[in-house]
């Protein structure tokens, strides 16, 4: 029991420390808030989202998301485009696309540095263990977008790898469809 608590505590401390460093470096690099940084990354892979959907994916209420988008628009990182009816579609400007690439590069640098003390075998083992943890953290539809809001999605599936969160989402949807099909 003591070892389980100790390991859980270490995981919590490592997760928080890494999150703090990643967010600080990423937001410093592009001069935006952490939710703004996440919004840029999300829009880089899912252009055309509405303000409400973008807010849901980065964990903000509609009103908070609208304020964040207004700020990103003032910085010249995001532009609003009329969609259908009263809907507005969000697109990254060229500067926003560059900022998203910069964010992902900063994130990658921080995370690679955190793994420097591990040898190849340890990194592979950690990857397998983190896949299990992430799969278990997925609970319901929509979690994938929130969990992966600052992820480099291409890195997750490089060389034919499967994103554990994406797989959990597909499994959840397939299970839900078979329950109602």
C-alpha atoms as a PDB file:
ATOM      1  CA  UNK A   1       0.000   0.000   0.000  1.00  0.00           C
ATOM      2  CA  UNK A   2       2.779   2.433   0.891  1.00  0.00           C
ATOM      3  CA  UNK A   3       4.498   1.815  -2.459  1.00  0.00           C
ATOM      4  CA  UNK A   4       1.237   2.443  -4.344  1.00  0.00           C
ATOM      5  CA  UNK A   5       0.706   5.753  -2.517  1.00  0.00           C
ATOM      6  CA  UNK A   6       4.342   6.707  -3.066  1.00  0.00           C
ATOM      7  CA  UNK A   7       4.148   5.962  -6.795  1.00  0.00           C
ATOM      8  CA  UNK A   8       0.838   7.822  -7.133  1.00  0.00           C
ATOM      9  CA  UNK A   9       2.358  10.817  -5.354  1.00  0.00           C
ATOM     10  CA  UNK A  10       5.408  10.759  -7.632  1.00  0.00           C
ATOM     11  CA  UNK A  11       3.153  10.572 -10.691  1.00  0.00           C
ATOM     12  CA  UNK A  12       1.146  13.549  -9.432  1.00  0.00           C
ATOM     13  CA  UNK A  13       4.244  15.623  -8.754  1.00  0.00           C
ATOM     14  CA  UNK A  14       5.797  14.741 -12.128  1.00  0.00           C
ATOM     15  CA  UNK A  15       2.553  15.468 -14.002  1.00  0.00           C
ATOM     16  CA  UNK A  16       2.119  18.843 -12.328  1.00  0.00           C
ATOM     17  CA  UNK A  17       5.779  19.827 -12.735  1.00  0.00           C
ATOM     18  CA  UNK A  18       5.791  18.872 -16.415  1.00  0.00           C
ATOM     19  CA  UNK A  19       2.500  20.666 -16.980  1.00  0.00           C
ATOM     20  CA  UNK A  20       3.819  23.818 -15.325  1.00  0.00           C
ATOM     21  CA  UNK A  21       7.011  23.831 -17.412  1.00  0.00           C
ATOM     22  CA  UNK A  22       5.251  22.968 -20.693  1.00  0.00           C
ATOM     23  CA  UNK A  23       2.582  25.629 -20.229  1.00  0.00           C
ATOM     24  CA  UNK A  24       5.075  28.270 -19.073  1.00  0.00           C
ATOM     25  CA  UNK A  25       7.414  27.666 -22.007  1.00  0.00           C
ATOM     26  CA  UNK A  26       4.624  27.433 -24.566  1.00  0.00           C
ATOM     27  CA  UNK A  27       2.795  30.550 -23.395  1.00  0.00           C
ATOM     28  CA  UNK A  28       6.053  32.495 -23.102  1.00  0.00           C
ATOM     29  CA  UNK A  29       6.951  31.546 -26.669  1.00  0.00           C
ATOM     30  CA  UNK A  30       3.754  32.977 -28.173  1.00  0.00           C
ATOM     31  CA  UNK A  31       2.568  35.441 -25.525  1.00  0.00           C
ATOM     32  CA  UNK A  32      -0.836  33.982 -24.824  1.00  0.00           C
ATOM     33  CA  UNK A  33      -2.683  32.290 -21.968  1.00  0.00           C
ATOM     34  CA  UNK A  34      -2.591  28.532 -21.447  1.00  0.00           C
ATOM     35  CA  UNK A  35      -6.134  28.225 -22.816  1.00  0.00           C
ATOM     36  CA  UNK A  36      -5.122  30.420 -25.752  1.00  0.00           C
ATOM     37  CA  UNK A  37      -2.147  28.153 -26.396  1.00  0.00           C
ATOM     38  CA  UNK A  38      -4.389  25.091 -26.310  1.00  0.00           C
ATOM     39  CA  UNK A  39      -6.856  26.816 -28.650  1.00  0.00           C
ATOM     40  CA  UNK A  40      -4.116  27.471 -31.210  1.00  0.00           C
ATOM     41  CA  UNK A  41      -3.011  23.847 -31.134  1.00  0.00           C
ATOM     42  CA  UNK A  42      -6.601  22.585 -31.391  1.00  0.00           C
ATOM     43  CA  UNK A  43      -7.358  24.889 -34.337  1.00  0.00           C
ATOM     44  CA  UNK A  44      -4.165  23.787 -36.078  1.00  0.00           C
ATOM     45  CA  UNK A  45      -5.615  20.285 -36.391  1.00  0.00           C
ATOM     46  CA  UNK A  46      -9.340  21.152 -36.422  1.00  0.00           C
ATOM     47  CA  UNK A  47      -9.874  24.433 -38.292  1.00  0.00           C
ATOM     48  CA  UNK A  48     -13.393  25.747 -38.604  1.00  0.00           C
ATOM     49  CA  UNK A  49     -14.620  25.037 -35.086  1.00  0.00           C
ATOM     50  CA  UNK A  50     -17.187  27.308 -33.500  1.00  0.00           C
ATOM     51  CA  UNK A  51     -16.310  29.355 -30.421  1.00  0.00           C
ATOM     52  CA  UNK A  52     -18.504  27.096 -28.285  1.00  0.00           C
ATOM     53  CA  UNK A  53     -16.888  23.878 -29.563  1.00  0.00           C
ATOM     54  CA  UNK A  54     -13.388  25.307 -29.197  1.00  0.00           C
ATOM     55  CA  UNK A  55     -14.237  26.310 -25.633  1.00  0.00           C
ATOM     56  CA  UNK A  56     -15.481  22.807 -24.865  1.00  0.00           C
ATOM     57  CA  UNK A  57     -12.271  21.301 -26.195  1.00  0.00           C
ATOM     58  CA  UNK A  58     -10.045  23.553 -24.094  1.00  0.00           C
ATOM     59  CA  UNK A  59     -12.244  23.434 -20.986  1.00  0.00           C
ATOM     60  CA  UNK A  60     -13.839  26.889 -21.068  1.00  0.00           C
ATOM     61  CA  UNK A  61     -17.411  28.089 -20.845  1.00  0.00           C
ATOM     62  CA  UNK A  62     -18.863  29.704 -23.965  1.00  0.00           C
ATOM     63  CA  UNK A  63     -18.454  33.216 -22.544  1.00  0.00           C
ATOM     64  CA  UNK A  64     -14.845  32.581 -21.455  1.00  0.00           C
ATOM     65  CA  UNK A  65     -14.095  31.036 -24.856  1.00  0.00           C
ATOM     66  CA  UNK A  66     -15.545  34.089 -26.595  1.00  0.00           C
ATOM     67  CA  UNK A  67     -13.281  36.392 -24.557  1.00  0.00           C
ATOM     68  CA  UNK A  68     -10.256  34.176 -25.291  1.00  0.00           C
ATOM     69  CA  UNK A  69     -11.039  34.154 -29.029  1.00  0.00           C
ATOM     70  CA  UNK A  70     -11.444  37.940 -29.015  1.00  0.00           C
ATOM     71  CA  UNK A  71      -7.984  38.212 -27.437  1.00  0.00           C
ATOM     72  CA  UNK A  72      -6.444  35.820 -29.970  1.00  0.00           C
ATOM     73  CA  UNK A  73      -8.121  37.780 -32.762  1.00  0.00           C
ATOM     74  CA  UNK A  74      -6.670  41.057 -31.426  1.00  0.00           C
ATOM     75  CA  UNK A  75      -3.222  39.420 -31.409  1.00  0.00           C
ATOM     76  CA  UNK A  76      -3.731  38.520 -35.067  1.00  0.00           C
ATOM     77  CA  UNK A  77      -3.574  34.769 -34.370  1.00  0.00           C
ATOM     78  CA  UNK A  78      -7.185  33.805 -35.130  1.00  0.00           C
ATOM     79  CA  UNK A  79      -9.778  35.101 -37.527  1.00  0.00           C
ATOM     80  CA  UNK A  80     -13.530  34.626 -37.482  1.00  0.00           C
ATOM     81  CA  UNK A  81     -15.247  33.658 -40.693  1.00  0.00           C
ATOM     82  CA  UNK A  82     -18.970  33.682 -41.303  1.00  0.00           C
ATOM     83  CA  UNK A  83     -20.309  30.177 -41.602  1.00  0.00           C
ATOM     84  CA  UNK A  84     -24.026  29.470 -41.981  1.00  0.00           C
ATOM     85  CA  UNK A  85     -26.689  31.471 -40.224  1.00  0.00           C
ATOM     86  CA  UNK A  86     -25.253  33.204 -37.175  1.00  0.00           C
ATOM     87  CA  UNK A  87     -22.469  30.600 -36.786  1.00  0.00           C
ATOM     88  CA  UNK A  88     -18.865  31.740 -36.873  1.00  0.00           C
ATOM     89  CA  UNK A  89     -16.044  29.469 -37.944  1.00  0.00           C
ATOM     90  CA  UNK A  90     -12.581  29.981 -36.431  1.00  0.00           C
ATOM     91  CA  UNK A  91      -9.431  29.808 -38.526  1.00  0.00           C
ATOM     92  CA  UNK A  92      -5.791  30.371 -37.666  1.00  0.00           C
ATOM     93  CA  UNK A  93      -4.078  33.273 -39.371  1.00  0.00           C
ATOM     94  CA  UNK A  94      -0.624  32.622 -40.804  1.00  0.00           C
ATOM     95  CA  UNK A  95       0.765  34.001 -37.543  1.00  0.00           C
ATOM     96  CA  UNK A  96      -1.536  31.692 -35.567  1.00  0.00           C
ATOM     97  CA  UNK A  97      -0.378  28.662 -37.551  1.00  0.00           C
ATOM     98  CA  UNK A  98       3.247  29.631 -36.877  1.00  0.00           C
ATOM     99  CA  UNK A  99       2.452  30.149 -33.192  1.00  0.00           C
ATOM    100  CA  UNK A 100       0.897  26.658 -33.003  1.00  0.00           C
ATOM    101  CA  UNK A 101       4.039  25.148 -34.556  1.00  0.00           C
ATOM    102  CA  UNK A 102       6.190  27.101 -32.083  1.00  0.00           C
ATOM    103  CA  UNK A 103       4.041  25.895 -29.171  1.00  0.00           C
ATOM    104  CA  UNK A 104       4.374  22.277 -30.221  1.00  0.00           C
ATOM    105  CA  UNK A 105       8.133  22.635 -30.714  1.00  0.00           C
ATOM    106  CA  UNK A 106       8.538  24.162 -27.220  1.00  0.00           C
ATOM    107  CA  UNK A 107       6.382  21.424 -25.712  1.00  0.00           C
ATOM    108  CA  UNK A 108       8.397  18.741 -27.484  1.00  0.00           C
ATOM    109  CA  UNK A 109      11.713  20.214 -26.304  1.00  0.00           C
ATOM    110  CA  UNK A 110      10.572  20.306 -22.671  1.00  0.00           C
ATOM    111  CA  UNK A 111       9.234  16.763 -22.760  1.00  0.00           C
ATOM    112  CA  UNK A 112      12.309  15.341 -24.519  1.00  0.00           C
ATOM    113  CA  UNK A 113      14.530  16.999 -21.907  1.00  0.00           C
ATOM    114  CA  UNK A 114      12.448  15.360 -19.170  1.00  0.00           C
ATOM    115  CA  UNK A 115      13.209  11.967 -20.707  1.00  0.00           C
ATOM    116  CA  UNK A 116      16.976  12.545 -21.103  1.00  0.00           C
ATOM    117  CA  UNK A 117      17.894  10.509 -18.000  1.00  0.00           C
ATOM    118  CA  UNK A 118      16.093   7.426 -19.307  1.00  0.00           C
ATOM    119  CA  UNK A 119      17.724   4.943 -21.658  1.00  0.00           C
ATOM    120  CA  UNK A 120      15.916   3.645 -24.758  1.00  0.00           C
ATOM    121  CA  UNK A 121      14.423   0.654 -22.938  1.00  0.00           C
ATOM    122  CA  UNK A 122      13.173   2.790 -20.070  1.00  0.00           C
ATOM    123  CA  UNK A 123      11.601   5.276 -22.495  1.00  0.00           C
ATOM    124  CA  UNK A 124       9.832   2.437 -24.316  1.00  0.00           C
ATOM    125  CA  UNK A 125       8.588   0.977 -21.023  1.00  0.00           C
ATOM    126  CA  UNK A 126       7.406   4.402 -19.843  1.00  0.00           C
ATOM    127  CA  UNK A 127       5.576   4.857 -23.144  1.00  0.00           C
ATOM    128  CA  UNK A 128       3.729   1.574 -22.633  1.00  0.00           C
ATOM    129  CA  UNK A 129       2.819   2.481 -19.052  1.00  0.00           C
ATOM    130  CA  UNK A 130       1.645   5.968 -20.010  1.00  0.00           C
ATOM    131  CA  UNK A 131      -0.534   4.463 -22.739  1.00  0.00           C
ATOM    132  CA  UNK A 132      -2.277   2.370 -20.095  1.00  0.00           C
ATOM    133  CA  UNK A 133      -2.721   5.348 -17.776  1.00  0.00           C
ATOM    134  CA  UNK A 134      -4.087   7.554 -20.577  1.00  0.00           C
ATOM    135  CA  UNK A 135      -6.476   4.845 -21.736  1.00  0.00           C
ATOM    136  CA  UNK A 136      -7.836   4.632 -18.197  1.00  0.00           C
ATOM    137  CA  UNK A 137      -8.154   8.427 -17.916  1.00  0.00           C
ATOM    138  CA  UNK A 138     -10.515   8.418 -20.894  1.00  0.00           C
ATOM    139  CA  UNK A 139     -14.015   8.214 -19.423  1.00  0.00           C
ATOM    140  CA  UNK A 140     -16.558   9.565 -21.900  1.00  0.00           C
ATOM    141  CA  UNK A 141     -17.063  11.000 -25.362  1.00  0.00           C
ATOM    142  CA  UNK A 142     -15.303  14.348 -25.596  1.00  0.00           C
ATOM    143  CA  UNK A 143     -12.478  13.423 -23.236  1.00  0.00           C
ATOM    144  CA  UNK A 144     -10.085  12.821 -26.131  1.00  0.00           C
ATOM    145  CA  UNK A 145     -10.223  16.442 -27.262  1.00  0.00           C
ATOM    146  CA  UNK A 146      -9.684  17.713 -23.712  1.00  0.00           C
ATOM    147  CA  UNK A 147      -6.906  15.268 -22.824  1.00  0.00           C
ATOM    148  CA  UNK A 148      -5.071  15.893 -26.104  1.00  0.00           C
ATOM    149  CA  UNK A 149      -5.641  19.655 -26.313  1.00  0.00           C
ATOM    150  CA  UNK A 150      -1.902  20.408 -26.293  1.00  0.00           C
ATOM    151  CA  UNK A 151      -0.753  17.218 -28.013  1.00  0.00           C
ATOM    152  CA  UNK A 152       1.338  16.963 -31.124  1.00  0.00           C
ATOM    153  CA  UNK A 153      -1.067  14.562 -32.781  1.00  0.00           C
ATOM    154  CA  UNK A 154       1.342  13.677 -35.583  1.00  0.00           C
ATOM    155  CA  UNK A 155       3.981  12.609 -33.046  1.00  0.00           C
ATOM    156  CA  UNK A 156       1.485  10.291 -31.356  1.00  0.00           C
ATOM    157  CA  UNK A 157       0.828   8.265 -34.507  1.00  0.00           C
ATOM    158  CA  UNK A 158       4.262   8.461 -36.109  1.00  0.00           C
ATOM    159  CA  UNK A 159       5.626   5.187 -37.492  1.00  0.00           C
ATOM    160  CA  UNK A 160       2.232   3.506 -37.342  1.00  0.00           C
ATOM    161  CA  UNK A 161       1.772   3.948 -33.581  1.00  0.00           C
ATOM    162  CA  UNK A 162      -1.742   4.209 -32.184  1.00  0.00           C
ATOM    163  CA  UNK A 163      -2.726   7.063 -29.918  1.00  0.00           C
ATOM    164  CA  UNK A 164      -4.101   5.421 -26.752  1.00  0.00           C
ATOM    165  CA  UNK A 165      -6.595   8.225 -26.160  1.00  0.00           C
ATOM    166  CA  UNK A 166      -7.810   8.133 -29.747  1.00  0.00           C
ATOM    167  CA  UNK A 167      -8.167   4.362 -29.504  1.00  0.00           C
ATOM    168  CA  UNK A 168     -10.094   4.659 -26.241  1.00  0.00           C
ATOM    169  CA  UNK A 169     -12.404   7.158 -27.960  1.00  0.00           C
ATOM    170  CA  UNK A 170     -12.956   4.832 -30.941  1.00  0.00           C
ATOM    171  CA  UNK A 171     -13.581   1.880 -28.603  1.00  0.00           C
ATOM    172  CA  UNK A 172     -16.060   3.947 -26.559  1.00  0.00           C
ATOM    173  CA  UNK A 173     -17.951   5.052 -29.666  1.00  0.00           C
ATOM    174  CA  UNK A 174     -18.049   1.500 -31.057  1.00  0.00           C
ATOM    175  CA  UNK A 175     -19.323   0.172 -27.736  1.00  0.00           C
ATOM    176  CA  UNK A 176     -21.933   2.940 -27.530  1.00  0.00           C
ATOM    177  CA  UNK A 177     -23.085   2.243 -31.102  1.00  0.00           C
ATOM    178  CA  UNK A 178     -23.384  -1.510 -30.458  1.00  0.00           C
ATOM    179  CA  UNK A 179     -25.435  -0.789 -27.311  1.00  0.00           C
ATOM    180  CA  UNK A 180     -27.825   1.325 -29.353  1.00  0.00           C
ATOM    181  CA  UNK A 181     -27.547  -0.438 -32.706  1.00  0.00           C
END
